[in-house]
Amino acid sequence: MSHFFRSSVWGEEGNAKSLSLLGLTPREAEVLGWIAQGKTNYEIGLILGACTGTVSKHVEHILTKLNVENRTSAAAVAFTTLHHTVELS
């Protein structure tokens, strides 16, 4: 069922690597990509086959590592990072 949620924009390995440059683990980078697409923790859990509590922990770590207070700010960091990565290539 997870293939239903996949996005060609965020599903590319290069994007996860770019987001990993923010000091995130590969899984945290993947979760951040889904956050930036507006997915809830529950939806991300379904997509990744993980418990909502596990996703919540990933989100906590992401917010701490990015030094932001909420998901919207984290998504803005993701978009900015990906935009700058594209410009540099």
N, C-alpha and C. Protein backbone atom coordinates (compact mmCIF):
# COMPACT_ATOMS: atom_id res chain seq x y z
N MET A 1 0.81 -1.19 0.00
CA MET A 1 0.00 0.00 0.00
C MET A 1 0.85 1.25 0.00
N SER A 2 2.10 1.18 0.48
CA SER A 2 2.92 2.38 0.57
C SER A 2 3.20 3.00 -0.79
N HIS A 3 3.20 2.20 -1.87
CA HIS A 3 3.47 2.77 -3.18
C HIS A 3 2.42 3.81 -3.57
N PHE A 4 1.22 3.71 -3.03
CA PHE A 4 0.15 4.66 -3.31
C PHE A 4 0.53 6.07 -2.88
N PHE A 5 1.31 6.20 -1.81
CA PHE A 5 1.67 7.50 -1.26
C PHE A 5 2.96 8.06 -1.85
N ARG A 6 3.68 7.28 -2.60
CA ARG A 6 4.99 7.73 -3.09
C ARG A 6 4.84 8.92 -4.03
N SER A 7 5.76 9.84 -3.89
CA SER A 7 5.76 11.02 -4.75
C SER A 7 7.06 11.04 -5.53
N SER A 8 7.00 11.31 -6.82
CA SER A 8 8.21 11.36 -7.61
C SER A 8 9.10 12.52 -7.20
N VAL A 9 8.52 13.55 -6.61
CA VAL A 9 9.31 14.71 -6.20
C VAL A 9 10.18 14.37 -5.00
N TRP A 10 9.61 13.70 -4.00
CA TRP A 10 10.32 13.43 -2.75
C TRP A 10 10.89 12.04 -2.68
N GLY A 11 10.49 11.15 -3.58
CA GLY A 11 10.91 9.76 -3.50
C GLY A 11 12.30 9.51 -4.04
N GLU A 12 12.92 10.52 -4.63
CA GLU A 12 14.23 10.33 -5.22
C GLU A 12 15.30 10.27 -4.15
N GLU A 13 16.27 9.40 -4.35
CA GLU A 13 17.34 9.19 -3.38
C GLU A 13 18.16 10.47 -3.18
N GLY A 14 18.34 11.26 -4.22
CA GLY A 14 19.11 12.49 -4.12
C GLY A 14 18.52 13.46 -3.12
N ASN A 15 17.21 13.53 -3.04
CA ASN A 15 16.57 14.42 -2.08
C ASN A 15 16.84 13.99 -0.65
N ALA A 16 16.79 12.70 -0.40
CA ALA A 16 17.08 12.19 0.95
C ALA A 16 18.52 12.50 1.32
N LYS A 17 19.43 12.35 0.35
CA LYS A 17 20.85 12.65 0.61
C LYS A 17 21.01 14.14 0.90
N SER A 18 20.31 14.99 0.14
CA SER A 18 20.39 16.43 0.38
C SER A 18 19.89 16.78 1.77
N LEU A 19 18.80 16.18 2.18
CA LEU A 19 18.24 16.46 3.51
C LEU A 19 19.13 15.88 4.60
N SER A 20 19.85 14.82 4.29
CA SER A 20 20.79 14.25 5.26
C SER A 20 21.93 15.21 5.56
N LEU A 21 22.21 16.13 4.63
CA LEU A 21 23.25 17.14 4.85
C LEU A 21 22.90 18.05 6.03
N LEU A 22 21.64 18.03 6.43
CA LEU A 22 21.19 18.82 7.58
C LEU A 22 21.54 18.15 8.90
N GLY A 23 22.21 17.02 8.84
CA GLY A 23 22.57 16.30 10.06
C GLY A 23 21.52 15.29 10.47
N LEU A 24 20.64 14.94 9.54
CA LEU A 24 19.58 13.99 9.82
C LEU A 24 20.01 12.59 9.40
N THR A 25 19.45 11.59 10.08
CA THR A 25 19.65 10.22 9.64
C THR A 25 18.85 10.02 8.36
N PRO A 26 19.14 8.97 7.61
CA PRO A 26 18.35 8.73 6.38
C PRO A 26 16.85 8.61 6.68
N ARG A 27 16.48 7.97 7.78
CA ARG A 27 15.06 7.82 8.11
C ARG A 27 14.45 9.18 8.48
N GLU A 28 15.19 9.99 9.23
CA GLU A 28 14.70 11.32 9.59
C GLU A 28 14.53 12.17 8.33
N ALA A 29 15.46 12.05 7.38
CA ALA A 29 15.35 12.79 6.13
C ALA A 29 14.10 12.36 5.36
N GLU A 30 13.82 11.07 5.39
CA GLU A 30 12.63 10.55 4.72
C GLU A 30 11.36 11.10 5.40
N VAL A 31 11.35 11.08 6.73
CA VAL A 31 10.20 11.61 7.47
C VAL A 31 10.03 13.10 7.17
N LEU A 32 11.13 13.84 7.13
CA LEU A 32 11.04 15.27 6.83
C LEU A 32 10.45 15.51 5.44
N GLY A 33 10.82 14.67 4.49
CA GLY A 33 10.23 14.78 3.15
C GLY A 33 8.71 14.63 3.18
N TRP A 34 8.24 13.68 3.97
CA TRP A 34 6.79 13.48 4.08
C TRP A 34 6.14 14.62 4.85
N ILE A 35 6.82 15.14 5.87
CA ILE A 35 6.30 16.30 6.60
C ILE A 35 6.11 17.47 5.63
N ALA A 36 7.11 17.67 4.78
CA ALA A 36 7.05 18.78 3.83
C ALA A 36 5.93 18.60 2.82
N GLN A 37 5.46 17.36 2.65
CA GLN A 37 4.32 17.11 1.78
C GLN A 37 2.99 17.21 2.52
N GLY A 38 3.06 17.57 3.81
CA GLY A 38 1.84 17.79 4.57
C GLY A 38 1.26 16.55 5.23
N LYS A 39 2.02 15.48 5.28
CA LYS A 39 1.52 14.24 5.89
C LYS A 39 1.54 14.33 7.41
N THR A 40 0.56 13.71 8.04
CA THR A 40 0.50 13.62 9.50
C THR A 40 1.41 12.48 9.97
N ASN A 41 1.68 12.43 11.26
CA ASN A 41 2.47 11.32 11.81
C ASN A 41 1.80 9.99 11.51
N TYR A 42 0.49 9.94 11.64
CA TYR A 42 -0.23 8.71 11.36
C TYR A 42 -0.03 8.28 9.90
N GLU A 43 -0.18 9.23 8.97
CA GLU A 43 -0.01 8.91 7.55
C GLU A 43 1.43 8.47 7.25
N ILE A 44 2.40 9.15 7.85
CA ILE A 44 3.80 8.78 7.65
C ILE A 44 4.04 7.37 8.17
N GLY A 45 3.44 7.05 9.30
CA GLY A 45 3.55 5.71 9.85
C GLY A 45 3.02 4.66 8.90
N LEU A 46 1.88 4.93 8.29
CA LEU A 46 1.31 3.99 7.31
C LEU A 46 2.25 3.83 6.12
N ILE A 47 2.77 4.95 5.63
CA ILE A 47 3.65 4.93 4.46
C ILE A 47 4.92 4.13 4.74
N LEU A 48 5.51 4.36 5.91
CA LEU A 48 6.79 3.74 6.24
C LEU A 48 6.65 2.40 6.96
N GLY A 49 5.43 2.04 7.33
CA GLY A 49 5.23 0.80 8.08
C GLY A 49 5.78 0.90 9.49
N ALA A 50 5.61 2.08 10.09
CA ALA A 50 6.13 2.33 11.44
C ALA A 50 4.99 2.76 12.35
N CYS A 51 5.19 2.62 13.63
CA CYS A 51 4.20 3.06 14.61
C CYS A 51 4.18 4.58 14.66
N THR A 52 3.02 5.13 14.95
CA THR A 52 2.88 6.58 15.06
C THR A 52 3.83 7.13 16.12
N GLY A 53 4.01 6.40 17.21
CA GLY A 53 4.92 6.83 18.27
C GLY A 53 6.36 6.92 17.79
N THR A 54 6.76 6.00 16.95
CA THR A 54 8.11 6.02 16.39
C THR A 54 8.28 7.24 15.49
N VAL A 55 7.28 7.50 14.67
CA VAL A 55 7.32 8.67 13.79
C VAL A 55 7.39 9.94 14.63
N SER A 56 6.62 9.99 15.72
CA SER A 56 6.64 11.15 16.61
C SER A 56 8.04 11.40 17.15
N LYS A 57 8.74 10.33 17.51
CA LYS A 57 10.12 10.46 18.00
C LYS A 57 11.03 11.01 16.90
N HIS A 58 10.86 10.50 15.68
CA HIS A 58 11.65 11.02 14.56
C HIS A 58 11.39 12.52 14.39
N VAL A 59 10.13 12.91 14.48
CA VAL A 59 9.78 14.33 14.32
C VAL A 59 10.43 15.15 15.43
N GLU A 60 10.39 14.67 16.65
CA GLU A 60 11.06 15.37 17.77
C GLU A 60 12.53 15.58 17.45
N HIS A 61 13.20 14.53 16.98
CA HIS A 61 14.63 14.61 16.67
C HIS A 61 14.88 15.60 15.53
N ILE A 62 14.02 15.58 14.53
CA ILE A 62 14.15 16.49 13.39
C ILE A 62 14.03 17.94 13.87
N LEU A 63 13.01 18.23 14.67
CA LEU A 63 12.81 19.60 15.15
C LEU A 63 14.01 20.07 15.97
N THR A 64 14.54 19.18 16.79
CA THR A 64 15.71 19.53 17.61
C THR A 64 16.93 19.78 16.73
N LYS A 65 17.21 18.86 15.82
CA LYS A 65 18.39 18.99 14.96
C LYS A 65 18.32 20.23 14.07
N LEU A 66 17.13 20.58 13.61
CA LEU A 66 16.98 21.75 12.74
C LEU A 66 16.81 23.04 13.54
N ASN A 67 16.68 22.89 14.86
CA ASN A 67 16.49 24.04 15.75
C ASN A 67 15.26 24.86 15.34
N VAL A 68 14.16 24.15 15.11
CA VAL A 68 12.89 24.79 14.78
C VAL A 68 11.83 24.33 15.77
N GLU A 69 10.74 25.07 15.83
CA GLU A 69 9.71 24.78 16.83
C GLU A 69 8.53 23.96 16.31
N ASN A 70 8.37 23.89 14.99
CA ASN A 70 7.19 23.18 14.49
C ASN A 70 7.44 22.57 13.11
N ARG A 71 6.47 21.78 12.68
CA ARG A 71 6.56 21.06 11.41
C ARG A 71 6.63 22.00 10.22
N THR A 72 5.91 23.11 10.29
CA THR A 72 5.91 24.06 9.18
C THR A 72 7.30 24.63 8.97
N SER A 73 7.96 24.98 10.06
CA SER A 73 9.33 25.50 9.96
C SER A 73 10.28 24.43 9.44
N ALA A 74 10.09 23.20 9.87
CA ALA A 74 10.92 22.10 9.38
C ALA A 74 10.73 21.91 7.88
N ALA A 75 9.47 21.99 7.42
CA ALA A 75 9.19 21.87 5.99
C ALA A 75 9.85 23.00 5.21
N ALA A 76 9.84 24.21 5.77
CA ALA A 76 10.49 25.35 5.10
C ALA A 76 11.99 25.10 4.96
N VAL A 77 12.61 24.54 5.98
CA VAL A 77 14.03 24.21 5.92
C VAL A 77 14.27 23.17 4.81
N ALA A 78 13.39 22.18 4.73
CA ALA A 78 13.53 21.14 3.70
C ALA A 78 13.45 21.75 2.31
N PHE A 79 12.45 22.59 2.07
CA PHE A 79 12.29 23.22 0.76
C PHE A 79 13.49 24.09 0.42
N THR A 80 13.96 24.86 1.39
CA THR A 80 15.12 25.74 1.17
C THR A 80 16.36 24.92 0.84
N THR A 81 16.57 23.85 1.60
CA THR A 81 17.73 22.99 1.37
C THR A 81 17.69 22.38 -0.01
N LEU A 82 16.55 21.85 -0.40
CA LEU A 82 16.43 21.22 -1.70
C LEU A 82 16.58 22.24 -2.82
N HIS A 83 16.05 23.44 -2.62
CA HIS A 83 16.16 24.50 -3.62
C HIS A 83 17.62 24.88 -3.83
N HIS A 84 18.38 25.05 -2.75
CA HIS A 84 19.78 25.41 -2.85
C HIS A 84 20.61 24.28 -3.44
N THR A 85 20.24 23.06 -3.13
CA THR A 85 20.95 21.90 -3.68
C THR A 85 20.78 21.85 -5.19
N VAL A 86 19.57 22.13 -5.67
CA VAL A 86 19.28 22.13 -7.10
C VAL A 86 20.05 23.25 -7.79
N GLU A 87 20.11 24.41 -7.16
CA GLU A 87 20.83 25.54 -7.74
C GLU A 87 22.32 25.26 -7.87
N LEU A 88 22.89 24.52 -6.92
CA LEU A 88 24.31 24.25 -6.94
C LEU A 88 24.70 23.17 -7.94
N SER A 89 23.72 22.34 -8.37
CA SER A 89 24.09 21.26 -9.29
C SER A 89 24.08 21.69 -10.72
